[in-house]
Every structure is written in structure tokens, then in C-alpha cells.
Amino acid sequence: MTTHTPKGPYTCGDYRQEMVLLALKKRLVEEDMTPEARRVMEEEVARLEEEMGMD
């Protein structure tokens, strides 16, 4: 994983994305869910990480 380096000023949108990502990762660890729900959530985590330059 690479370190995220913002290309411009750190915005409210950046903060929101980080909080959504953290919440999804927490749910993946703590919640018992169906394999389909887990797959969808993991895809969303991957999408957010890529969008944030964390791939």
C-alpha cells in the first residue's frame, strides 16, 4: 500500500472519503454478513482506496 499524498488542499470531501473507508473496513471485521454482502463491501473498499490513491 502506498501513502496517500494529496494533490491539492485537504478538503471536507477527502475527510468524508477517509471516514467512509474506515467505517467499511470496521464493518468487514466486526459484522457477520452474507458472502454477497461481504463481496460488495470489499469492492467498495477497493474502489475507494483506488480513488484515494491508496492502491
N, C-alpha and C. Protein backbone atom coordinates (compact mmCIF):
# COMPACT_ATOMS: atom_id res chain seq x y z
N MET A 1 0.84 -1.17 0.00
CA MET A 1 0.00 0.00 0.00
C MET A 1 0.89 1.23 0.00
N THR A 2 0.51 2.19 -0.80
CA THR A 2 1.28 3.43 -0.88
C THR A 2 0.66 4.48 0.03
N THR A 3 1.46 5.45 0.39
CA THR A 3 0.98 6.55 1.23
C THR A 3 0.23 7.54 0.36
N HIS A 4 -0.93 7.96 0.83
CA HIS A 4 -1.75 8.93 0.10
C HIS A 4 -1.13 10.32 0.24
N THR A 5 -0.84 10.93 -0.87
CA THR A 5 -0.33 12.30 -0.88
C THR A 5 -1.33 13.16 -1.64
N PRO A 6 -2.00 14.05 -0.94
CA PRO A 6 -2.97 14.91 -1.62
C PRO A 6 -2.32 15.74 -2.70
N LYS A 7 -3.04 15.94 -3.80
CA LYS A 7 -2.54 16.74 -4.91
C LYS A 7 -2.88 18.21 -4.72
N GLY A 8 -3.78 18.48 -3.83
CA GLY A 8 -4.18 19.86 -3.56
C GLY A 8 -4.51 19.99 -2.09
N PRO A 9 -5.29 20.99 -1.74
CA PRO A 9 -5.66 21.15 -0.33
C PRO A 9 -6.53 20.00 0.15
N TYR A 10 -6.39 19.67 1.41
CA TYR A 10 -7.19 18.62 2.05
C TYR A 10 -8.59 19.19 2.27
N THR A 11 -9.59 18.53 1.68
CA THR A 11 -10.95 19.07 1.70
C THR A 11 -11.87 18.23 2.58
N CYS A 12 -13.06 18.75 2.79
CA CYS A 12 -14.09 18.01 3.52
C CYS A 12 -14.42 16.71 2.79
N GLY A 13 -14.39 16.73 1.47
CA GLY A 13 -14.65 15.54 0.68
C GLY A 13 -13.60 14.47 0.93
N ASP A 14 -12.34 14.88 1.06
CA ASP A 14 -11.26 13.94 1.37
C ASP A 14 -11.50 13.29 2.73
N TYR A 15 -11.85 14.12 3.70
CA TYR A 15 -12.12 13.63 5.04
C TYR A 15 -13.29 12.65 5.03
N ARG A 16 -14.33 12.99 4.31
CA ARG A 16 -15.50 12.13 4.23
C ARG A 16 -15.14 10.78 3.63
N GLN A 17 -14.36 10.78 2.55
CA GLN A 17 -13.94 9.51 1.94
C GLN A 17 -13.16 8.66 2.93
N GLU A 18 -12.27 9.28 3.69
CA GLU A 18 -11.50 8.55 4.68
C GLU A 18 -12.40 7.92 5.74
N MET A 19 -13.39 8.67 6.19
CA MET A 19 -14.29 8.16 7.23
C MET A 19 -15.15 7.02 6.70
N VAL A 20 -15.62 7.13 5.46
CA VAL A 20 -16.41 6.06 4.84
C VAL A 20 -15.55 4.81 4.73
N LEU A 21 -14.31 4.97 4.28
CA LEU A 21 -13.41 3.84 4.14
C LEU A 21 -13.15 3.16 5.47
N LEU A 22 -12.89 3.94 6.50
CA LEU A 22 -12.66 3.37 7.82
C LEU A 22 -13.89 2.63 8.34
N ALA A 23 -15.06 3.20 8.12
CA ALA A 23 -16.30 2.56 8.58
C ALA A 23 -16.53 1.23 7.86
N LEU A 24 -16.28 1.20 6.56
CA LEU A 24 -16.45 -0.04 5.80
C LEU A 24 -15.48 -1.12 6.29
N LYS A 25 -14.23 -0.72 6.51
CA LYS A 25 -13.23 -1.69 6.98
C LYS A 25 -13.61 -2.22 8.37
N LYS A 26 -14.12 -1.34 9.22
CA LYS A 26 -14.54 -1.76 10.56
C LYS A 26 -15.70 -2.75 10.47
N ARG A 27 -16.67 -2.46 9.61
CA ARG A 27 -17.80 -3.37 9.44
C ARG A 27 -17.36 -4.73 8.92
N LEU A 28 -16.38 -4.75 8.01
CA LEU A 28 -15.88 -6.02 7.48
C LEU A 28 -15.29 -6.89 8.58
N VAL A 29 -14.66 -6.27 9.56
CA VAL A 29 -14.03 -7.00 10.65
C VAL A 29 -15.06 -7.42 11.70
N GLU A 30 -15.98 -6.54 12.03
CA GLU A 30 -16.86 -6.75 13.17
C GLU A 30 -18.18 -7.45 12.86
N GLU A 31 -18.68 -7.31 11.64
CA GLU A 31 -20.02 -7.83 11.36
C GLU A 31 -20.00 -9.19 10.68
N ASP A 32 -21.01 -9.98 11.03
CA ASP A 32 -21.25 -11.25 10.35
C ASP A 32 -22.22 -10.94 9.20
N MET A 33 -21.80 -11.23 7.98
CA MET A 33 -22.63 -10.89 6.83
C MET A 33 -22.57 -12.00 5.79
N THR A 34 -23.49 -11.95 4.86
CA THR A 34 -23.52 -12.95 3.80
C THR A 34 -22.30 -12.77 2.90
N PRO A 35 -21.90 -13.83 2.23
CA PRO A 35 -20.75 -13.71 1.31
C PRO A 35 -20.98 -12.63 0.24
N GLU A 36 -22.21 -12.51 -0.24
CA GLU A 36 -22.51 -11.50 -1.26
C GLU A 36 -22.35 -10.09 -0.69
N ALA A 37 -22.85 -9.86 0.51
CA ALA A 37 -22.71 -8.54 1.14
C ALA A 37 -21.25 -8.22 1.39
N ARG A 38 -20.48 -9.22 1.82
CA ARG A 38 -19.05 -9.03 2.06
C ARG A 38 -18.33 -8.67 0.75
N ARG A 39 -18.68 -9.36 -0.33
CA ARG A 39 -18.06 -9.10 -1.63
C ARG A 39 -18.33 -7.66 -2.08
N VAL A 40 -19.58 -7.23 -1.95
CA VAL A 40 -19.95 -5.87 -2.35
C VAL A 40 -19.18 -4.84 -1.52
N MET A 41 -19.08 -5.08 -0.22
CA MET A 41 -18.39 -4.16 0.66
C MET A 41 -16.89 -4.13 0.33
N GLU A 42 -16.30 -5.29 0.06
CA GLU A 42 -14.88 -5.34 -0.30
C GLU A 42 -14.62 -4.62 -1.61
N GLU A 43 -15.54 -4.71 -2.56
CA GLU A 43 -15.41 -3.99 -3.82
C GLU A 43 -15.46 -2.48 -3.59
N GLU A 44 -16.33 -2.05 -2.70
CA GLU A 44 -16.44 -0.61 -2.40
C GLU A 44 -15.16 -0.12 -1.72
N VAL A 45 -14.60 -0.92 -0.82
CA VAL A 45 -13.34 -0.56 -0.17
C VAL A 45 -12.24 -0.42 -1.23
N ALA A 46 -12.16 -1.38 -2.13
CA ALA A 46 -11.14 -1.34 -3.18
C ALA A 46 -11.32 -0.11 -4.08
N ARG A 47 -12.57 0.21 -4.41
CA ARG A 47 -12.84 1.38 -5.25
C ARG A 47 -12.40 2.67 -4.55
N LEU A 48 -12.76 2.79 -3.28
CA LEU A 48 -12.38 3.99 -2.53
C LEU A 48 -10.86 4.11 -2.40
N GLU A 49 -10.19 3.00 -2.11
CA GLU A 49 -8.74 3.03 -1.97
C GLU A 49 -8.08 3.45 -3.29
N GLU A 50 -8.59 2.94 -4.39
CA GLU A 50 -8.04 3.31 -5.69
C GLU A 50 -8.28 4.79 -5.97
N GLU A 51 -9.49 5.25 -5.69
CA GLU A 51 -9.84 6.64 -5.91
C GLU A 51 -8.98 7.58 -5.07
N MET A 52 -8.61 7.12 -3.88
CA MET A 52 -7.80 7.93 -2.97
C MET A 52 -6.30 7.75 -3.22
N GLY A 53 -5.94 6.90 -4.18
CA GLY A 53 -4.53 6.68 -4.49
C GLY A 53 -3.84 5.79 -3.50
N MET A 54 -4.58 4.89 -2.87
CA MET A 54 -4.03 4.01 -1.87
C MET A 54 -3.83 2.58 -2.38
N ASP A 55 -3.95 2.36 -3.66
CA ASP A 55 -3.84 1.03 -4.22
C ASP A 55 -2.43 0.59 -4.20
